[in-house]
N, C-alpha and C. Protein backbone atom coordinates (compact mmCIF):
# COMPACT_ATOMS: atom_id res chain seq x y z
N MET A 1 69.62 90.82 124.14
CA MET A 1 70.40 92.05 124.07
C MET A 1 70.78 92.31 122.61
N ASP A 2 70.55 93.52 122.13
CA ASP A 2 70.87 93.84 120.74
C ASP A 2 72.37 94.08 120.57
N ASP A 3 72.81 94.16 119.31
CA ASP A 3 74.24 94.31 119.00
C ASP A 3 74.85 95.56 119.62
N LEU A 4 74.12 96.66 119.62
CA LEU A 4 74.68 97.89 120.18
C LEU A 4 74.94 97.75 121.67
N LEU A 5 73.95 97.24 122.39
CA LEU A 5 74.14 97.06 123.83
C LEU A 5 75.21 96.02 124.14
N LEU A 6 75.25 94.97 123.36
CA LEU A 6 76.26 93.93 123.57
C LEU A 6 77.66 94.50 123.37
N THR A 7 77.86 95.26 122.30
CA THR A 7 79.17 95.87 122.05
C THR A 7 79.49 96.90 123.13
N LEU A 8 78.50 97.67 123.53
CA LEU A 8 78.70 98.65 124.60
C LEU A 8 79.19 97.96 125.87
N LYS A 9 78.58 96.85 126.21
CA LYS A 9 78.92 96.12 127.44
C LYS A 9 80.26 95.41 127.32
N THR A 10 80.44 94.64 126.24
CA THR A 10 81.64 93.80 126.13
C THR A 10 82.90 94.59 125.79
N THR A 11 82.77 95.67 125.03
CA THR A 11 83.95 96.43 124.62
C THR A 11 84.25 97.57 125.57
N PHE A 12 83.20 98.29 125.96
CA PHE A 12 83.41 99.50 126.74
C PHE A 12 83.05 99.35 128.22
N GLY A 13 82.37 98.25 128.58
CA GLY A 13 82.07 97.99 129.97
C GLY A 13 80.89 98.74 130.55
N TYR A 14 80.06 99.33 129.69
CA TYR A 14 78.89 100.08 130.15
C TYR A 14 77.62 99.26 129.93
N GLY A 15 76.68 99.37 130.85
CA GLY A 15 75.44 98.62 130.76
C GLY A 15 74.31 99.36 130.08
N ALA A 16 74.48 100.68 129.88
CA ALA A 16 73.43 101.48 129.26
C ALA A 16 74.05 102.69 128.58
N PHE A 17 73.32 103.22 127.61
CA PHE A 17 73.76 104.42 126.93
C PHE A 17 73.40 105.66 127.75
N ARG A 18 74.17 106.71 127.59
CA ARG A 18 73.83 108.01 128.15
C ARG A 18 72.80 108.66 127.23
N PRO A 19 72.16 109.73 127.70
CA PRO A 19 71.16 110.39 126.85
C PRO A 19 71.72 110.76 125.47
N LEU A 20 70.96 110.45 124.45
CA LEU A 20 71.21 110.75 123.03
C LEU A 20 72.27 109.87 122.37
N GLN A 21 73.07 109.15 123.11
CA GLN A 21 74.12 108.34 122.49
C GLN A 21 73.55 107.32 121.50
N ARG A 22 72.56 106.58 121.91
CA ARG A 22 72.01 105.53 121.03
C ARG A 22 71.49 106.13 119.73
N GLU A 23 70.77 107.23 119.82
CA GLU A 23 70.22 107.86 118.62
C GLU A 23 71.33 108.34 117.68
N ILE A 24 72.37 108.91 118.25
CA ILE A 24 73.50 109.38 117.46
C ILE A 24 74.20 108.21 116.78
N ILE A 25 74.42 107.15 117.52
CA ILE A 25 75.10 105.96 116.99
C ILE A 25 74.26 105.30 115.89
N GLU A 26 72.97 105.19 116.11
CA GLU A 26 72.10 104.59 115.09
C GLU A 26 72.10 105.42 113.81
N ALA A 27 72.10 106.74 113.93
CA ALA A 27 72.15 107.60 112.75
C ALA A 27 73.47 107.42 112.01
N ALA A 28 74.58 107.34 112.75
CA ALA A 28 75.88 107.13 112.13
C ALA A 28 75.93 105.78 111.41
N LEU A 29 75.39 104.75 112.04
CA LEU A 29 75.38 103.42 111.42
C LEU A 29 74.48 103.37 110.18
N ALA A 30 73.52 104.29 110.10
CA ALA A 30 72.65 104.38 108.92
C ALA A 30 73.28 105.29 107.86
N ASP A 31 74.56 105.63 108.04
CA ASP A 31 75.32 106.48 107.10
C ASP A 31 74.72 107.86 106.93
N LYS A 32 74.12 108.38 108.00
CA LYS A 32 73.62 109.75 107.97
C LYS A 32 74.70 110.69 108.50
N ASP A 33 74.69 111.92 107.99
CA ASP A 33 75.56 112.94 108.57
C ASP A 33 75.01 113.28 109.94
N VAL A 34 75.89 113.38 110.92
CA VAL A 34 75.47 113.62 112.29
C VAL A 34 76.25 114.79 112.88
N PHE A 35 75.52 115.69 113.51
CA PHE A 35 76.13 116.74 114.31
C PHE A 35 75.66 116.50 115.73
N ALA A 36 76.59 116.19 116.62
CA ALA A 36 76.23 115.89 118.01
C ALA A 36 76.93 116.88 118.92
N LEU A 37 76.14 117.67 119.62
CA LEU A 37 76.66 118.62 120.58
C LEU A 37 76.29 118.10 121.96
N LEU A 38 77.29 117.58 122.65
CA LEU A 38 77.08 117.01 123.98
C LEU A 38 77.99 117.70 124.98
N PRO A 39 77.58 117.76 126.23
CA PRO A 39 78.44 118.41 127.23
C PRO A 39 79.71 117.60 127.49
N THR A 40 80.68 118.25 128.07
CA THR A 40 81.90 117.56 128.48
C THR A 40 81.51 116.39 129.38
N GLY A 41 82.05 115.22 129.07
CA GLY A 41 81.71 114.02 129.83
C GLY A 41 80.42 113.37 129.37
N GLY A 42 79.86 113.86 128.27
CA GLY A 42 78.59 113.32 127.77
C GLY A 42 78.73 112.07 126.92
N GLY A 43 79.95 111.64 126.67
CA GLY A 43 80.16 110.41 125.93
C GLY A 43 80.24 110.58 124.42
N LYS A 44 80.81 111.69 123.97
CA LYS A 44 80.92 111.94 122.53
C LYS A 44 81.79 110.89 121.83
N SER A 45 82.90 110.53 122.45
CA SER A 45 83.83 109.60 121.81
C SER A 45 83.15 108.28 121.45
N LEU A 46 82.32 107.79 122.34
CA LEU A 46 81.61 106.54 122.08
C LEU A 46 80.74 106.64 120.84
N CYS A 47 80.24 107.83 120.56
CA CYS A 47 79.33 108.04 119.43
C CYS A 47 80.01 107.85 118.08
N PHE A 48 81.33 107.97 118.01
CA PHE A 48 82.02 107.64 116.76
C PHE A 48 82.83 106.35 116.88
N GLN A 49 83.22 105.98 118.09
CA GLN A 49 84.00 104.75 118.25
C GLN A 49 83.15 103.50 118.02
N LEU A 50 82.00 103.44 118.63
CA LEU A 50 81.17 102.24 118.52
C LEU A 50 80.76 101.97 117.06
N PRO A 51 80.27 102.96 116.31
CA PRO A 51 79.98 102.69 114.90
C PRO A 51 81.21 102.23 114.11
N ALA A 52 82.36 102.83 114.41
CA ALA A 52 83.59 102.45 113.70
C ALA A 52 83.94 100.99 113.94
N LEU A 53 83.61 100.48 115.12
CA LEU A 53 83.94 99.11 115.45
C LEU A 53 82.92 98.12 114.89
N LEU A 54 81.71 98.59 114.60
CA LEU A 54 80.65 97.70 114.12
C LEU A 54 80.55 97.62 112.60
N ARG A 55 81.17 98.52 111.89
CA ARG A 55 81.07 98.49 110.43
C ARG A 55 82.45 98.43 109.81
N PRO A 56 82.53 97.94 108.60
CA PRO A 56 83.83 97.86 107.94
C PRO A 56 84.33 99.24 107.54
N GLY A 57 85.61 99.33 107.31
CA GLY A 57 86.20 100.57 106.83
C GLY A 57 86.86 101.37 107.93
N LEU A 58 87.46 102.45 107.51
CA LEU A 58 88.25 103.31 108.39
C LEU A 58 87.46 104.55 108.79
N THR A 59 87.51 104.87 110.06
CA THR A 59 86.99 106.14 110.56
C THR A 59 88.17 106.99 110.96
N VAL A 60 88.22 108.21 110.44
CA VAL A 60 89.27 109.17 110.79
C VAL A 60 88.67 110.14 111.79
N VAL A 61 89.36 110.31 112.91
CA VAL A 61 88.91 111.20 113.98
C VAL A 61 89.89 112.37 114.06
N VAL A 62 89.38 113.58 113.86
CA VAL A 62 90.21 114.77 113.95
C VAL A 62 90.12 115.29 115.38
N SER A 63 91.27 115.31 116.04
CA SER A 63 91.33 115.72 117.44
C SER A 63 92.58 116.56 117.67
N PRO A 64 92.45 117.68 118.37
CA PRO A 64 93.61 118.55 118.56
C PRO A 64 94.49 118.16 119.75
N LEU A 65 94.06 117.20 120.53
CA LEU A 65 94.74 116.90 121.79
C LEU A 65 95.52 115.59 121.70
N ILE A 66 96.83 115.69 121.67
CA ILE A 66 97.68 114.51 121.52
C ILE A 66 97.49 113.55 122.69
N ALA A 67 97.40 114.07 123.91
CA ALA A 67 97.22 113.20 125.08
C ALA A 67 95.89 112.44 124.99
N LEU A 68 94.84 113.10 124.55
CA LEU A 68 93.55 112.43 124.40
C LEU A 68 93.62 111.36 123.31
N MET A 69 94.29 111.67 122.20
CA MET A 69 94.46 110.68 121.14
C MET A 69 95.14 109.43 121.70
N LYS A 70 96.22 109.64 122.44
CA LYS A 70 96.96 108.51 123.00
C LYS A 70 96.09 107.68 123.92
N ASP A 71 95.34 108.34 124.80
CA ASP A 71 94.45 107.62 125.71
C ASP A 71 93.40 106.81 124.94
N GLN A 72 92.80 107.42 123.92
CA GLN A 72 91.77 106.75 123.14
C GLN A 72 92.36 105.54 122.41
N VAL A 73 93.49 105.74 121.75
CA VAL A 73 94.12 104.65 120.99
C VAL A 73 94.56 103.53 121.93
N ASP A 74 95.18 103.87 123.05
CA ASP A 74 95.62 102.85 124.01
C ASP A 74 94.43 102.03 124.50
N GLY A 75 93.32 102.70 124.81
CA GLY A 75 92.13 102.00 125.29
C GLY A 75 91.55 101.07 124.25
N LEU A 76 91.50 101.52 123.01
CA LEU A 76 90.95 100.67 121.93
C LEU A 76 91.88 99.49 121.64
N GLN A 77 93.17 99.73 121.63
CA GLN A 77 94.12 98.63 121.40
C GLN A 77 94.05 97.60 122.53
N LEU A 78 93.83 98.08 123.74
CA LEU A 78 93.75 97.20 124.91
C LEU A 78 92.62 96.18 124.76
N VAL A 79 91.52 96.58 124.12
CA VAL A 79 90.40 95.66 123.92
C VAL A 79 90.42 95.00 122.54
N GLY A 80 91.55 95.15 121.83
CA GLY A 80 91.76 94.39 120.61
C GLY A 80 91.37 95.05 119.31
N TYR A 81 91.17 96.36 119.32
CA TYR A 81 90.80 97.04 118.08
C TYR A 81 91.99 97.75 117.46
N GLN A 82 91.99 97.80 116.14
CA GLN A 82 93.10 98.39 115.39
C GLN A 82 92.90 99.90 115.31
N ALA A 83 93.63 100.62 116.14
CA ALA A 83 93.55 102.07 116.19
C ALA A 83 94.96 102.64 116.23
N ALA A 84 95.11 103.85 115.71
CA ALA A 84 96.41 104.52 115.71
C ALA A 84 96.18 106.02 115.73
N ALA A 85 97.25 106.74 116.02
CA ALA A 85 97.21 108.20 115.99
C ALA A 85 98.31 108.70 115.06
N LEU A 86 98.05 109.81 114.43
CA LEU A 86 99.01 110.43 113.53
C LEU A 86 99.10 111.91 113.92
N ASN A 87 100.22 112.25 114.56
CA ASN A 87 100.39 113.63 115.04
C ASN A 87 101.89 113.94 115.15
N SER A 88 102.18 115.12 115.65
CA SER A 88 103.56 115.60 115.69
C SER A 88 104.45 114.86 116.68
N SER A 89 103.88 114.01 117.53
CA SER A 89 104.71 113.29 118.49
C SER A 89 105.40 112.07 117.88
N LEU A 90 105.03 111.72 116.65
CA LEU A 90 105.60 110.53 116.00
C LEU A 90 106.85 110.87 115.21
N SER A 91 107.77 109.94 115.19
CA SER A 91 108.94 110.08 114.32
C SER A 91 108.48 109.88 112.88
N PRO A 92 109.28 110.30 111.91
CA PRO A 92 108.91 110.06 110.51
C PRO A 92 108.69 108.57 110.20
N GLN A 93 109.47 107.71 110.84
CA GLN A 93 109.31 106.27 110.62
C GLN A 93 107.98 105.77 111.18
N GLU A 94 107.64 106.23 112.39
CA GLU A 94 106.37 105.82 113.00
C GLU A 94 105.19 106.33 112.18
N ALA A 95 105.27 107.58 111.72
CA ALA A 95 104.21 108.14 110.89
C ALA A 95 104.08 107.34 109.60
N GLY A 96 105.20 106.97 109.01
CA GLY A 96 105.19 106.18 107.78
C GLY A 96 104.51 104.83 107.98
N ARG A 97 104.80 104.16 109.10
CA ARG A 97 104.16 102.87 109.39
C ARG A 97 102.65 103.04 109.57
N THR A 98 102.26 104.13 110.24
CA THR A 98 100.83 104.37 110.44
C THR A 98 100.14 104.63 109.10
N LEU A 99 100.77 105.40 108.25
CA LEU A 99 100.20 105.65 106.91
C LEU A 99 100.12 104.37 106.10
N ASP A 100 101.13 103.51 106.23
CA ASP A 100 101.09 102.21 105.54
C ASP A 100 99.94 101.36 106.07
N ASP A 101 99.75 101.34 107.39
CA ASP A 101 98.63 100.59 107.97
C ASP A 101 97.30 101.13 107.45
N MET A 102 97.19 102.45 107.33
CA MET A 102 95.97 103.04 106.80
C MET A 102 95.75 102.59 105.35
N ALA A 103 96.79 102.66 104.54
CA ALA A 103 96.68 102.29 103.13
C ALA A 103 96.34 100.82 102.93
N GLN A 104 96.82 99.97 103.83
CA GLN A 104 96.59 98.53 103.71
C GLN A 104 95.28 98.08 104.34
N GLY A 105 94.53 99.01 104.91
CA GLY A 105 93.25 98.66 105.53
C GLY A 105 93.39 97.98 106.87
N ASN A 106 94.49 98.22 107.56
CA ASN A 106 94.75 97.56 108.84
C ASN A 106 94.20 98.32 110.04
N LEU A 107 93.55 99.45 109.82
CA LEU A 107 93.05 100.27 110.93
C LEU A 107 91.54 100.42 110.86
N ARG A 108 90.90 100.48 112.01
CA ARG A 108 89.47 100.82 112.09
C ARG A 108 89.28 102.27 112.46
N LEU A 109 90.18 102.79 113.32
CA LEU A 109 90.13 104.19 113.76
C LEU A 109 91.52 104.80 113.63
N LEU A 110 91.57 105.98 113.04
CA LEU A 110 92.82 106.72 112.94
C LEU A 110 92.57 108.13 113.46
N TYR A 111 93.25 108.48 114.54
CA TYR A 111 93.16 109.81 115.13
C TYR A 111 94.23 110.68 114.50
N VAL A 112 93.83 111.84 114.00
CA VAL A 112 94.78 112.77 113.37
C VAL A 112 94.59 114.17 113.95
N SER A 113 95.68 114.90 113.99
CA SER A 113 95.61 116.29 114.42
C SER A 113 95.12 117.13 113.24
N PRO A 114 94.49 118.27 113.52
CA PRO A 114 93.96 119.10 112.43
C PRO A 114 95.04 119.51 111.42
N GLU A 115 96.22 119.87 111.91
CA GLU A 115 97.27 120.30 110.98
C GLU A 115 97.74 119.15 110.09
N ARG A 116 97.59 117.91 110.54
CA ARG A 116 98.00 116.75 109.74
C ARG A 116 97.16 116.59 108.48
N LEU A 117 95.92 117.04 108.54
CA LEU A 117 95.04 116.94 107.38
C LEU A 117 95.62 117.63 106.15
N PHE A 118 96.41 118.67 106.38
CA PHE A 118 96.88 119.49 105.27
C PHE A 118 98.38 119.36 105.02
N THR A 119 98.97 118.29 105.52
CA THR A 119 100.39 118.06 105.27
C THR A 119 100.56 117.01 104.19
N GLY A 120 101.56 117.23 103.36
CA GLY A 120 101.84 116.26 102.30
C GLY A 120 100.61 115.97 101.47
N ASN A 121 100.40 114.72 101.23
CA ASN A 121 99.25 114.30 100.42
C ASN A 121 98.26 113.50 101.26
N PHE A 122 98.06 113.93 102.50
CA PHE A 122 97.22 113.15 103.41
C PHE A 122 95.79 113.01 102.91
N ILE A 123 95.20 114.06 102.37
CA ILE A 123 93.82 113.96 101.87
C ILE A 123 93.74 112.92 100.76
N THR A 124 94.69 112.92 99.86
CA THR A 124 94.71 111.91 98.79
C THR A 124 94.85 110.51 99.36
N ARG A 125 95.69 110.37 100.35
CA ARG A 125 95.87 109.05 100.99
C ARG A 125 94.60 108.60 101.69
N MET A 126 93.86 109.55 102.28
CA MET A 126 92.58 109.21 102.91
C MET A 126 91.60 108.70 101.85
N ILE A 127 91.54 109.39 100.72
CA ILE A 127 90.64 108.97 99.63
C ILE A 127 91.02 107.58 99.15
N ASP A 128 92.29 107.35 98.96
CA ASP A 128 92.77 106.03 98.51
C ASP A 128 92.46 104.94 99.53
N ALA A 129 92.46 105.30 100.81
CA ALA A 129 92.19 104.32 101.87
C ALA A 129 90.70 104.06 102.04
N LYS A 130 89.87 104.76 101.28
CA LYS A 130 88.42 104.56 101.33
C LYS A 130 87.87 104.77 102.74
N VAL A 131 88.13 105.96 103.26
CA VAL A 131 87.65 106.32 104.58
C VAL A 131 86.12 106.23 104.61
N ARG A 132 85.60 105.55 105.60
CA ARG A 132 84.15 105.35 105.74
C ARG A 132 83.47 106.53 106.41
N ALA A 133 84.17 107.13 107.41
CA ALA A 133 83.58 108.24 108.14
C ALA A 133 84.68 109.14 108.68
N ILE A 134 84.32 110.40 108.88
CA ILE A 134 85.22 111.36 109.50
C ILE A 134 84.48 111.95 110.69
N ALA A 135 85.14 111.94 111.83
CA ALA A 135 84.56 112.52 113.04
C ALA A 135 85.44 113.69 113.47
N ILE A 136 84.81 114.79 113.75
CA ILE A 136 85.51 115.96 114.28
C ILE A 136 85.24 115.97 115.79
N ASP A 137 86.27 115.70 116.57
CA ASP A 137 86.08 115.51 118.01
C ASP A 137 85.92 116.82 118.77
N GLU A 138 86.46 117.90 118.25
CA GLU A 138 86.35 119.21 118.89
C GLU A 138 85.96 120.22 117.82
N ALA A 139 84.92 120.98 118.06
CA ALA A 139 84.37 121.89 117.06
C ALA A 139 85.41 122.88 116.55
N HIS A 140 86.32 123.33 117.40
CA HIS A 140 87.28 124.32 116.93
C HIS A 140 88.28 123.75 115.91
N CYS A 141 88.25 122.45 115.68
CA CYS A 141 89.10 121.84 114.66
C CYS A 141 88.69 122.25 113.25
N ILE A 142 87.47 122.76 113.09
CA ILE A 142 86.99 123.08 111.74
C ILE A 142 86.97 124.57 111.46
N SER A 143 87.51 125.37 112.36
CA SER A 143 87.52 126.83 112.12
C SER A 143 88.52 127.20 111.04
């Protein structure tokens, strides 16, 4: 069993990839820019989560849905991965701790709301944190 299938099985509990997932993941792991348009329920999240877990560095995921961020982060933390969310539901202290974790390299995945990208000096902090990849989870986040 190759590393991708092993991680898919042991981390996410799936025995096989859905259509196009493997190709998208392999392209991301080869540091190629990827645009993946998949139907609802097509497994888009796995296409940025699995590469983020297999390579060093931070992946920032832009997502407009706080509930989805929470579900994704909770699921990743449950299986032992360092993930966090940064959105309007956090207190200033919680947001500060998350930003500190990002700066110290303690996170593999950081979910952020689109409006968070343009608050304070977040872009500068992302550059300083040496973000490895950015995933846009919903296309309307880039309008």
